[in-house]
Amino acid sequence: MKNTVSAPVALIAIALAAAAAVLYFSRIAPAGATKEKVFVLPYAPPVDQNELSTLRKALAPLGVTVVFPPLQQDRFQGARLATVARNTPAYTAGLQSGDLVIRFGDQEIKTPTALAAMSANARPEDSYTVVYRRDGEEHETTVTGITVPEFMGVRR
């Protein structure tokens, strides 16, 4: 009696070997990839939706959203901007997504909620110096005209 394998069994074995190879090689980072470019939430528990909603509303006058919860490397280092809306005080000042805000006015910013508090309490007639990090370098800009957007239906 010969030891032969039927065609369907051979095809299944080849498919399983191919699947195993794909799984193995997908875990290897591509050339040039660095951990800094991977955005993985650093911890649990899940974000409280009320807290997130409050944070978004407080940052609306500035025209930004932030990475929340903060990335591990940003914890207690500042507030990482996720987006900067066009034609807003932040956009006009030259802030960009990815910037890490570390000072707003005379206050050091350690967390996204600290930036939200400063934004929510800013007055439209005042100018604020903002210090931020971009590509490892510190920069400074001035933000003016921080007001609650009309779509929010709130007036100061």
N, C-alpha and C. Protein backbone atom coordinates (compact mmCIF):
# COMPACT_ATOMS: atom_id res chain seq x y z
N MET A 1 0.82 -1.16 0.00
CA MET A 1 0.00 0.00 0.00
C MET A 1 0.88 1.25 0.00
N LYS A 2 0.57 2.22 -0.86
CA LYS A 2 1.33 3.44 -0.96
C LYS A 2 0.80 4.47 0.03
N ASN A 3 1.72 5.29 0.53
CA ASN A 3 1.31 6.43 1.36
C ASN A 3 1.10 7.63 0.45
N THR A 4 -0.10 7.88 0.08
CA THR A 4 -0.41 9.02 -0.77
C THR A 4 -1.45 9.89 -0.07
N VAL A 5 -1.45 11.13 -0.43
CA VAL A 5 -2.40 12.09 0.14
C VAL A 5 -3.34 12.51 -0.96
N SER A 6 -4.60 12.53 -0.65
CA SER A 6 -5.56 12.93 -1.67
C SER A 6 -5.44 14.42 -1.95
N ALA A 7 -5.91 14.84 -3.10
CA ALA A 7 -5.81 16.24 -3.53
C ALA A 7 -6.52 17.18 -2.56
N PRO A 8 -7.75 16.90 -2.08
CA PRO A 8 -8.40 17.83 -1.16
C PRO A 8 -7.62 18.01 0.15
N VAL A 9 -7.05 16.94 0.66
CA VAL A 9 -6.28 17.03 1.90
C VAL A 9 -5.01 17.88 1.66
N ALA A 10 -4.39 17.71 0.53
CA ALA A 10 -3.19 18.49 0.20
C ALA A 10 -3.52 19.97 0.09
N LEU A 11 -4.65 20.28 -0.54
CA LEU A 11 -5.06 21.68 -0.68
C LEU A 11 -5.34 22.30 0.69
N ILE A 12 -5.97 21.56 1.57
CA ILE A 12 -6.24 22.07 2.92
C ILE A 12 -4.93 22.31 3.66
N ALA A 13 -3.99 21.41 3.54
CA ALA A 13 -2.69 21.57 4.20
C ALA A 13 -1.96 22.80 3.68
N ILE A 14 -2.01 23.03 2.38
CA ILE A 14 -1.35 24.20 1.79
C ILE A 14 -2.04 25.49 2.27
N ALA A 15 -3.37 25.48 2.31
CA ALA A 15 -4.10 26.66 2.77
C ALA A 15 -3.78 26.98 4.23
N LEU A 16 -3.71 25.96 5.07
CA LEU A 16 -3.37 26.18 6.48
C LEU A 16 -1.94 26.71 6.62
N ALA A 17 -1.01 26.19 5.83
CA ALA A 17 0.37 26.67 5.89
C ALA A 17 0.44 28.13 5.44
N ALA A 18 -0.30 28.48 4.40
CA ALA A 18 -0.32 29.87 3.92
C ALA A 18 -0.91 30.79 4.98
N ALA A 19 -2.00 30.37 5.63
CA ALA A 19 -2.62 31.19 6.68
C ALA A 19 -1.66 31.38 7.85
N ALA A 20 -0.94 30.34 8.22
CA ALA A 20 0.03 30.45 9.31
C ALA A 20 1.15 31.42 8.95
N ALA A 21 1.59 31.39 7.71
CA ALA A 21 2.66 32.30 7.26
C ALA A 21 2.18 33.74 7.29
N VAL A 22 0.96 33.99 6.85
CA VAL A 22 0.40 35.34 6.88
C VAL A 22 0.33 35.85 8.31
N LEU A 23 -0.17 35.04 9.23
CA LEU A 23 -0.24 35.44 10.63
C LEU A 23 1.13 35.73 11.21
N TYR A 24 2.09 34.89 10.90
CA TYR A 24 3.44 35.07 11.42
C TYR A 24 4.06 36.37 10.90
N PHE A 25 4.01 36.58 9.59
CA PHE A 25 4.66 37.74 9.00
C PHE A 25 3.90 39.04 9.27
N SER A 26 2.63 39.00 9.58
CA SER A 26 1.88 40.22 9.88
C SER A 26 2.28 40.79 11.24
N ARG A 27 2.92 40.00 12.09
CA ARG A 27 3.37 40.48 13.40
C ARG A 27 4.71 41.17 13.32
N ILE A 28 5.40 41.04 12.22
CA ILE A 28 6.70 41.67 12.07
C ILE A 28 6.47 43.07 11.51
N ALA A 29 7.05 44.08 12.16
CA ALA A 29 6.86 45.47 11.73
C ALA A 29 7.56 45.70 10.40
N PRO A 30 6.95 46.48 9.52
CA PRO A 30 7.59 46.79 8.25
C PRO A 30 8.86 47.63 8.46
N ALA A 31 9.75 47.60 7.50
CA ALA A 31 10.99 48.36 7.60
C ALA A 31 10.67 49.84 7.77
N GLY A 32 11.37 50.49 8.68
CA GLY A 32 11.16 51.91 8.91
C GLY A 32 10.05 52.23 9.89
N ALA A 33 9.29 51.25 10.32
CA ALA A 33 8.20 51.51 11.26
C ALA A 33 8.78 51.74 12.65
N THR A 34 8.19 52.69 13.37
CA THR A 34 8.62 52.96 14.73
C THR A 34 7.43 52.93 15.65
N LYS A 35 7.67 52.71 16.91
CA LYS A 35 6.59 52.66 17.88
C LYS A 35 5.89 54.00 18.00
N GLU A 36 6.59 55.11 17.74
CA GLU A 36 6.00 56.43 17.88
C GLU A 36 4.85 56.67 16.90
N LYS A 37 4.81 55.93 15.79
CA LYS A 37 3.79 56.15 14.78
C LYS A 37 2.54 55.31 15.01
N VAL A 38 2.55 54.48 16.04
CA VAL A 38 1.41 53.62 16.32
C VAL A 38 0.56 54.28 17.39
N PHE A 39 -0.73 54.46 17.11
CA PHE A 39 -1.63 55.09 18.07
C PHE A 39 -2.49 54.01 18.71
N VAL A 40 -2.06 53.58 19.89
CA VAL A 40 -2.77 52.55 20.64
C VAL A 40 -3.18 53.15 21.97
N LEU A 41 -4.43 52.99 22.34
CA LEU A 41 -4.86 53.50 23.63
C LEU A 41 -4.08 52.78 24.72
N PRO A 42 -3.50 53.54 25.65
CA PRO A 42 -2.55 52.95 26.58
C PRO A 42 -3.15 52.18 27.75
N TYR A 43 -4.40 52.37 28.04
CA TYR A 43 -4.95 51.73 29.23
C TYR A 43 -6.47 51.68 29.17
N ALA A 44 -7.03 50.89 30.05
CA ALA A 44 -8.48 50.83 30.25
C ALA A 44 -8.72 51.52 31.58
N PRO A 45 -9.82 51.88 31.97
CA PRO A 45 -11.16 51.55 31.51
C PRO A 45 -11.58 52.40 30.32
N PRO A 46 -12.72 52.05 29.75
CA PRO A 46 -13.21 52.82 28.62
C PRO A 46 -13.50 54.26 29.03
N VAL A 47 -13.49 55.13 28.05
CA VAL A 47 -13.72 56.55 28.28
C VAL A 47 -15.18 56.79 28.68
N ASP A 48 -15.36 57.59 29.71
CA ASP A 48 -16.70 58.00 30.13
C ASP A 48 -17.25 58.96 29.08
N GLN A 49 -18.40 58.65 28.50
CA GLN A 49 -18.96 59.46 27.42
C GLN A 49 -19.33 60.87 27.88
N ASN A 50 -19.76 61.02 29.13
CA ASN A 50 -20.08 62.36 29.64
C ASN A 50 -18.81 63.21 29.73
N GLU A 51 -17.74 62.60 30.18
CA GLU A 51 -16.46 63.31 30.27
C GLU A 51 -15.98 63.72 28.88
N LEU A 52 -16.11 62.81 27.92
CA LEU A 52 -15.69 63.11 26.55
C LEU A 52 -16.53 64.23 25.96
N SER A 53 -17.83 64.21 26.19
CA SER A 53 -18.73 65.26 25.69
C SER A 53 -18.37 66.61 26.29
N THR A 54 -18.11 66.64 27.59
CA THR A 54 -17.72 67.89 28.26
C THR A 54 -16.40 68.40 27.71
N LEU A 55 -15.47 67.51 27.48
CA LEU A 55 -14.17 67.88 26.93
C LEU A 55 -14.33 68.50 25.54
N ARG A 56 -15.14 67.89 24.69
CA ARG A 56 -15.36 68.41 23.33
C ARG A 56 -16.00 69.79 23.36
N LYS A 57 -16.99 69.97 24.21
CA LYS A 57 -17.67 71.26 24.30
C LYS A 57 -16.72 72.34 24.79
N ALA A 58 -15.88 72.00 25.75
CA ALA A 58 -14.96 72.98 26.31
C ALA A 58 -13.88 73.38 25.30
N LEU A 59 -13.51 72.47 24.40
CA LEU A 59 -12.47 72.75 23.42
C LEU A 59 -13.02 73.39 22.14
N ALA A 60 -14.33 73.38 21.95
CA ALA A 60 -14.94 73.94 20.75
C ALA A 60 -14.58 75.41 20.52
N PRO A 61 -14.54 76.26 21.56
CA PRO A 61 -14.17 77.65 21.31
C PRO A 61 -12.77 77.81 20.71
N LEU A 62 -11.87 76.93 21.05
CA LEU A 62 -10.51 76.97 20.51
C LEU A 62 -10.46 76.39 19.09
N GLY A 63 -11.36 75.44 18.80
CA GLY A 63 -11.43 74.83 17.48
C GLY A 63 -10.60 73.58 17.34
N VAL A 64 -10.43 72.83 18.44
CA VAL A 64 -9.61 71.63 18.39
C VAL A 64 -10.33 70.46 19.04
N THR A 65 -9.85 69.26 18.74
CA THR A 65 -10.17 68.08 19.52
C THR A 65 -8.82 67.51 19.96
N VAL A 66 -8.84 66.71 21.01
CA VAL A 66 -7.60 66.16 21.54
C VAL A 66 -7.67 64.64 21.56
N VAL A 67 -6.50 64.02 21.62
CA VAL A 67 -6.41 62.57 21.77
C VAL A 67 -6.78 62.26 23.22
N PHE A 68 -7.86 61.49 23.38
CA PHE A 68 -8.34 61.20 24.73
C PHE A 68 -8.91 59.80 24.78
N PRO A 69 -8.48 58.97 25.70
CA PRO A 69 -7.48 59.25 26.71
C PRO A 69 -6.12 59.47 26.07
N PRO A 70 -5.24 60.18 26.78
CA PRO A 70 -3.93 60.50 26.20
C PRO A 70 -3.11 59.25 25.90
N LEU A 71 -2.25 59.35 24.92
CA LEU A 71 -1.31 58.27 24.64
C LEU A 71 -0.35 58.14 25.81
N GLN A 72 0.22 56.97 25.97
CA GLN A 72 1.10 56.71 27.12
C GLN A 72 2.22 57.75 27.22
N GLN A 73 2.86 58.08 26.09
CA GLN A 73 3.98 59.01 26.14
C GLN A 73 3.53 60.45 26.42
N ASP A 74 2.23 60.73 26.29
CA ASP A 74 1.72 62.08 26.52
C ASP A 74 1.15 62.28 27.92
N ARG A 75 0.97 61.20 28.67
CA ARG A 75 0.33 61.32 29.97
C ARG A 75 1.09 62.29 30.86
N PHE A 76 0.39 63.31 31.33
CA PHE A 76 0.92 64.36 32.20
C PHE A 76 2.04 65.16 31.53
N GLN A 77 2.06 65.15 30.20
CA GLN A 77 3.05 65.93 29.44
C GLN A 77 2.41 67.08 28.68
N GLY A 78 1.08 67.03 28.47
CA GLY A 78 0.39 68.06 27.70
C GLY A 78 -0.87 67.50 27.09
N ALA A 79 -1.40 68.22 26.11
CA ALA A 79 -2.61 67.81 25.41
C ALA A 79 -2.29 67.68 23.92
N ARG A 80 -2.38 66.45 23.39
CA ARG A 80 -2.08 66.17 21.99
C ARG A 80 -3.30 66.54 21.14
N LEU A 81 -3.14 67.41 20.16
CA LEU A 81 -4.24 67.81 19.30
C LEU A 81 -4.52 66.72 18.28
N ALA A 82 -5.76 66.28 18.23
CA ALA A 82 -6.18 65.28 17.25
C ALA A 82 -6.58 65.97 15.94
N THR A 83 -7.38 67.03 16.05
CA THR A 83 -7.79 67.78 14.88
C THR A 83 -7.79 69.27 15.20
N VAL A 84 -7.61 70.06 14.15
CA VAL A 84 -7.72 71.51 14.25
C VAL A 84 -8.65 71.94 13.13
N ALA A 85 -9.80 72.49 13.49
CA ALA A 85 -10.79 72.89 12.48
C ALA A 85 -10.34 74.17 11.77
N ARG A 86 -10.67 74.25 10.49
CA ARG A 86 -10.33 75.44 9.70
C ARG A 86 -11.10 76.66 10.22
N ASN A 87 -10.49 77.81 10.02
CA ASN A 87 -11.10 79.10 10.37
C ASN A 87 -11.48 79.19 11.83
N THR A 88 -10.63 78.67 12.69
CA THR A 88 -10.83 78.75 14.14
C THR A 88 -9.61 79.45 14.74
N PRO A 89 -9.69 79.87 15.99
CA PRO A 89 -8.52 80.52 16.60
C PRO A 89 -7.25 79.65 16.56
N ALA A 90 -7.38 78.37 16.80
CA ALA A 90 -6.21 77.48 16.78
C ALA A 90 -5.62 77.39 15.38
N TYR A 91 -6.46 77.28 14.37
CA TYR A 91 -6.01 77.19 12.98
C TYR A 91 -5.31 78.48 12.56
N THR A 92 -5.91 79.61 12.90
CA THR A 92 -5.33 80.91 12.56
C THR A 92 -3.97 81.09 13.23
N ALA A 93 -3.80 80.54 14.43
CA ALA A 93 -2.54 80.65 15.15
C ALA A 93 -1.47 79.70 14.61
N GLY A 94 -1.85 78.77 13.73
CA GLY A 94 -0.88 77.86 13.13
C GLY A 94 -0.75 76.52 13.81
N LEU A 95 -1.63 76.22 14.76
CA LEU A 95 -1.59 74.90 15.41
C LEU A 95 -2.03 73.84 14.42
N GLN A 96 -1.50 72.63 14.56
CA GLN A 96 -1.80 71.52 13.67
C GLN A 96 -2.10 70.26 14.47
N SER A 97 -2.82 69.33 13.83
CA SER A 97 -3.04 68.05 14.49
C SER A 97 -1.68 67.39 14.72
N GLY A 98 -1.55 66.77 15.89
CA GLY A 98 -0.29 66.15 16.28
C GLY A 98 0.53 67.02 17.21
N ASP A 99 0.24 68.32 17.27
CA ASP A 99 0.97 69.20 18.20
C ASP A 99 0.63 68.82 19.63
N LEU A 100 1.60 68.95 20.52
CA LEU A 100 1.40 68.69 21.94
C LEU A 100 1.44 70.04 22.66
N VAL A 101 0.27 70.52 23.11
CA VAL A 101 0.19 71.80 23.80
C VAL A 101 0.69 71.60 25.23
N ILE A 102 1.70 72.41 25.61
CA ILE A 102 2.28 72.27 26.95
C ILE A 102 2.10 73.51 27.82
N ARG A 103 1.69 74.64 27.21
CA ARG A 103 1.42 75.85 27.98
C ARG A 103 0.36 76.66 27.25
N PHE A 104 -0.57 77.20 28.01
CA PHE A 104 -1.63 78.05 27.46
C PHE A 104 -1.72 79.27 28.36
N GLY A 105 -1.39 80.45 27.82
CA GLY A 105 -1.33 81.64 28.66
C GLY A 105 -0.24 81.45 29.70
N ASP A 106 -0.58 81.70 30.95
CA ASP A 106 0.40 81.53 32.03
C ASP A 106 0.28 80.18 32.73
N GLN A 107 -0.53 79.28 32.18
CA GLN A 107 -0.77 77.98 32.81
C GLN A 107 -0.06 76.85 32.08
N GLU A 108 0.62 76.00 32.84
CA GLU A 108 1.21 74.79 32.28
C GLU A 108 0.09 73.79 32.01
N ILE A 109 0.13 73.16 30.86
CA ILE A 109 -0.88 72.18 30.48
C ILE A 109 -0.28 70.79 30.63
N LYS A 110 -0.85 70.00 31.53
CA LYS A 110 -0.36 68.64 31.76
C LYS A 110 -1.31 67.59 31.21
N THR A 111 -2.60 67.95 31.05
CA THR A 111 -3.62 66.98 30.61
C THR A 111 -4.58 67.66 29.63
N PRO A 112 -5.30 66.87 28.84
CA PRO A 112 -6.31 67.44 27.96
C PRO A 112 -7.38 68.25 28.71
N THR A 113 -7.74 67.81 29.91
CA THR A 113 -8.76 68.55 30.66
C THR A 113 -8.25 69.91 31.11
N ALA A 114 -6.95 70.05 31.33
CA ALA A 114 -6.39 71.37 31.67
C ALA A 114 -6.51 72.32 30.49
N LEU A 115 -6.27 71.84 29.28
CA LEU A 115 -6.44 72.67 28.08
C LEU A 115 -7.91 73.03 27.89
N ALA A 116 -8.79 72.07 28.14
CA ALA A 116 -10.23 72.32 28.00
C ALA A 116 -10.68 73.40 28.98
N ALA A 117 -10.18 73.38 30.20
CA ALA A 117 -10.55 74.39 31.19
C ALA A 117 -10.08 75.77 30.75
N MET A 118 -8.88 75.86 30.21
CA MET A 118 -8.38 77.16 29.75
C MET A 118 -9.18 77.66 28.55
N SER A 119 -9.52 76.78 27.64
CA SER A 119 -10.29 77.15 26.46
C SER A 119 -11.69 77.62 26.85
N ALA A 120 -12.33 76.89 27.76
CA ALA A 120 -13.70 77.22 28.16
C ALA A 120 -13.77 78.55 28.90
N ASN A 121 -12.69 78.92 29.59
CA ASN A 121 -12.69 80.15 30.36
C ASN A 121 -12.00 81.32 29.65
N ALA A 122 -11.57 81.12 28.41
CA ALA A 122 -10.90 82.18 27.67
C ALA A 122 -11.90 83.27 27.29
N ARG A 123 -11.40 84.48 27.23
CA ARG A 123 -12.25 85.61 26.84
C ARG A 123 -11.90 86.04 25.42
N PRO A 124 -12.89 86.36 24.60
CA PRO A 124 -12.64 86.68 23.19
C PRO A 124 -11.71 87.87 22.99
N GLU A 125 -11.72 88.81 23.89
CA GLU A 125 -10.89 90.01 23.72
C GLU A 125 -9.44 89.81 24.14
N ASP A 126 -9.10 88.69 24.76
CA ASP A 126 -7.75 88.45 25.23
C ASP A 126 -6.93 87.64 24.22
N SER A 127 -5.61 87.79 24.31
CA SER A 127 -4.67 87.00 23.52
C SER A 127 -3.96 86.04 24.48
N TYR A 128 -3.67 84.85 23.99
CA TYR A 128 -3.03 83.84 24.82
C TYR A 128 -1.82 83.28 24.10
N THR A 129 -0.70 83.24 24.80
CA THR A 129 0.49 82.62 24.25
C THR A 129 0.37 81.11 24.46
N VAL A 130 0.57 80.36 23.40
CA VAL A 130 0.49 78.90 23.46
C VAL A 130 1.87 78.35 23.09
N VAL A 131 2.39 77.50 23.97
CA VAL A 131 3.65 76.81 23.71
C VAL A 131 3.30 75.36 23.41
N TYR A 132 3.87 74.83 22.33
CA TYR A 132 3.57 73.46 21.91
C TYR A 132 4.82 72.80 21.35
N ARG A 133 4.78 71.47 21.30
CA ARG A 133 5.87 70.69 20.71
C ARG A 133 5.37 70.11 19.39
N ARG A 134 6.23 70.26 18.40
CA ARG A 134 5.96 69.64 17.09
C ARG A 134 7.27 69.04 16.61
N ASP A 135 7.25 67.78 16.30
CA ASP A 135 8.45 67.07 15.83
C ASP A 135 9.62 67.24 16.80
N GLY A 136 9.31 67.21 18.10
CA GLY A 136 10.35 67.27 19.13
C GLY A 136 10.87 68.66 19.45
N GLU A 137 10.40 69.68 18.75
CA GLU A 137 10.86 71.04 18.99
C GLU A 137 9.74 71.88 19.58
N GLU A 138 10.10 72.77 20.51
CA GLU A 138 9.11 73.66 21.11
C GLU A 138 8.91 74.89 20.23
N HIS A 139 7.65 75.29 20.12
CA HIS A 139 7.27 76.47 19.34
C HIS A 139 6.31 77.29 20.19
N GLU A 140 6.16 78.54 19.80
CA GLU A 140 5.25 79.44 20.50
C GLU A 140 4.41 80.19 19.49
N THR A 141 3.15 80.39 19.81
CA THR A 141 2.24 81.15 18.96
C THR A 141 1.27 81.92 19.85
N THR A 142 0.51 82.80 19.23
CA THR A 142 -0.49 83.57 19.97
C THR A 142 -1.87 83.24 19.42
N VAL A 143 -2.78 82.92 20.32
CA VAL A 143 -4.16 82.60 19.94
C VAL A 143 -5.05 83.76 20.39
N THR A 144 -5.91 84.21 19.50
CA THR A 144 -6.84 85.29 19.82
C THR A 144 -8.24 84.93 19.35
N GLY A 145 -9.22 85.65 19.87
CA GLY A 145 -10.60 85.51 19.38
C GLY A 145 -11.27 84.21 19.75
N ILE A 146 -10.98 83.68 20.92
CA ILE A 146 -11.58 82.42 21.33
C ILE A 146 -13.02 82.69 21.79
N THR A 147 -13.98 82.23 21.00
CA THR A 147 -15.39 82.43 21.32
C THR A 147 -16.15 81.13 21.13
N VAL A 148 -17.28 81.02 21.81
CA VAL A 148 -18.13 79.84 21.65
C VAL A 148 -18.78 79.91 20.27
N PRO A 149 -18.65 78.87 19.45
CA PRO A 149 -19.26 78.88 18.12
C PRO A 149 -20.78 79.04 18.19
N GLU A 150 -21.34 79.72 17.20
CA GLU A 150 -22.78 79.95 17.18
C GLU A 150 -23.59 78.66 17.16
N PHE A 151 -23.07 77.62 16.50
CA PHE A 151 -23.83 76.38 16.40
C PHE A 151 -24.10 75.75 17.75
N MET A 152 -23.32 76.16 18.77
CA MET A 152 -23.53 75.58 20.10
C MET A 152 -24.65 76.29 20.85
N GLY A 153 -25.09 77.43 20.33
CA GLY A 153 -26.22 78.12 20.93
C GLY A 153 -25.91 78.71 22.29
N VAL A 154 -24.66 79.00 22.56
CA VAL A 154 -24.28 79.56 23.85
C VAL A 154 -23.65 80.93 23.63
N ARG A 155 -24.03 81.87 24.43
CA ARG A 155 -23.44 83.21 24.35
C ARG A 155 -22.80 83.54 25.68
N ARG A 156 -21.75 84.31 25.61
CA ARG A 156 -21.07 84.74 26.85
C ARG A 156 -21.56 86.08 27.26
